[in-house]
Protein backbone atom coordinates (compact mmCIF):
# COMPACT_ATOMS: atom_id res chain seq x y z
CA MET A 1 -32.49 2.76 -34.62
CA GLU A 2 -29.12 1.46 -33.47
CA TYR A 3 -27.07 2.13 -30.49
CA ASN A 4 -23.79 1.97 -30.08
CA ILE A 5 -22.05 0.80 -26.02
CA ILE A 6 -19.14 2.28 -24.55
CA LYS A 7 -17.56 0.51 -22.42
CA VAL A 8 -15.46 3.58 -19.35
CA HIS A 9 -13.48 2.33 -17.26
CA GLN A 10 -12.20 4.37 -14.61
CA GLY A 11 -9.49 3.43 -12.65
CA ASN A 12 -5.18 4.64 -11.93
CA ILE A 13 -2.04 4.47 -14.03
CA ALA A 14 1.18 4.20 -10.85
CA ASP A 15 4.17 4.96 -12.14
CA GLU A 16 6.35 2.99 -9.77
CA GLU A 17 8.80 5.72 -9.91
CA ILE A 18 6.58 8.03 -8.36
CA SER A 19 6.34 9.52 -4.45
CA LEU A 20 3.16 10.18 -3.15
CA THR A 21 2.05 12.29 -0.66
CA LEU A 22 0.44 11.90 2.45
CA MET A 23 -2.46 12.93 1.06
CA GLN A 24 -2.21 11.85 -2.61
CA LEU A 25 -1.69 8.21 -0.52
CA CYS A 26 -5.34 9.36 1.39
CA ASN A 27 -6.56 10.21 -2.23
CA THR A 28 -5.25 6.71 -3.85
CA CYS A 29 -6.38 4.35 -0.80
CA GLN A 30 -9.24 5.94 0.94
CA VAL A 31 -7.87 6.30 4.03
CA ARG A 32 -7.86 9.14 6.52
CA PRO A 33 -5.06 10.75 6.83
CA GLU A 34 -4.24 9.72 10.40
CA PHE A 35 -4.57 5.60 10.00
CA VAL A 36 -1.77 6.11 6.85
CA ILE A 37 -0.16 7.37 10.26
CA GLU A 38 -0.85 5.35 12.85
CA MET A 39 0.52 2.55 9.61
CA VAL A 40 3.72 4.87 9.88
CA ASP A 41 4.04 5.16 13.56
CA PHE A 42 3.86 0.83 14.24
CA GLY A 43 6.39 1.08 10.67
CA ILE A 44 4.42 -0.07 8.02
CA LEU A 45 5.04 2.77 6.07
CA GLU A 46 8.09 4.48 5.60
CA PRO A 47 6.99 8.26 4.27
CA GLU A 48 10.51 9.85 3.18
CA GLY A 49 11.47 13.48 4.54
CA GLU A 50 11.24 14.89 8.65
CA LYS A 51 7.23 16.21 8.70
CA ARG A 52 4.09 14.91 7.72
CA THR A 53 3.55 18.76 6.03
CA ALA A 54 6.95 16.90 3.34
CA TRP A 55 6.35 13.08 3.62
CA ARG A 56 6.17 11.60 0.39
CA PHE A 57 5.25 7.82 -0.09
CA SER A 58 6.91 5.25 -3.08
CA TYR A 59 4.34 3.46 -4.42
CA ASP A 60 4.81 0.03 -2.03
CA ALA A 61 2.74 2.06 0.21
CA VAL A 62 0.01 2.00 -1.48
CA GLU A 63 0.17 -1.56 -1.45
CA ASN A 64 0.74 -2.31 1.15
CA ALA A 65 -2.05 -0.08 2.91
CA ARG A 66 -4.09 -1.69 0.27
CA LYS A 67 -2.67 -5.37 2.09
CA VAL A 68 -3.12 -3.72 5.68
CA MET A 69 -7.01 -3.13 4.84
CA ARG A 70 -7.49 -6.50 3.55
CA PHE A 71 -6.19 -8.36 6.18
CA GLN A 72 -8.17 -6.48 8.94
CA ARG A 73 -11.35 -6.56 6.96
CA ASP A 74 -11.35 -10.38 6.10
CA LEU A 75 -8.82 -11.14 9.46
CA ASP A 76 -9.82 -8.49 11.52
CA ILE A 77 -6.38 -7.67 12.44
CA ASN A 78 -4.92 -5.36 14.11
CA LEU A 79 -2.29 -2.81 12.83
CA ALA A 80 0.82 -4.66 15.23
CA GLY A 81 -0.75 -8.25 13.62
CA ALA A 82 -0.56 -6.29 9.86
CA ALA A 83 2.97 -5.44 10.31
CA LEU A 84 4.31 -8.36 11.94
CA ALA A 85 2.91 -10.59 8.36
CA LEU A 86 3.41 -8.18 6.02
CA GLU A 87 7.28 -7.96 7.86
CA LEU A 88 6.78 -12.66 7.59
CA LEU A 89 5.36 -12.24 4.33
CA ASP A 90 8.14 -10.20 2.90
CA ARG A 91 10.88 -12.59 4.47
CA ILE A 92 8.57 -15.90 2.63
CA GLU A 93 9.49 -13.36 -0.98
CA LYS A 94 12.44 -13.20 0.40
CA LEU A 95 13.01 -16.63 0.85
CA GLU A 96 10.94 -17.90 -2.38
CA THR A 97 13.63 -15.56 -4.28
CA LEU A 98 16.60 -17.25 -3.31
CA LEU A 99 15.73 -20.99 -3.25
CA ASN A 100 14.66 -20.03 -6.29
CA ARG A 101 17.67 -19.05 -8.11
CA ARG A 102 20.01 -21.34 -6.59
CA ARG A 103 17.31 -24.47 -8.76
């Protein structure tokens, strides 16, 4: 008897134009809402909308949240340090882009 093996991969396909609610962001990043709220308080994430129940996050928020989680896991950095690290990484990326344009 011969068996066919099928590999199943699970994941999410992200459309950068779609915004996420607070709970969708939490589910995507597998974090508690309190953690997202703390990241908003530190300026790491910038939701659209006034009330938490109406917050909408761009897909960049997913990337930033995951970076912060890696900073905390791998480097034991608190949220203030993570906010600074993200800001510095953003500046480096902008400077590299500017430098590449001038070459």
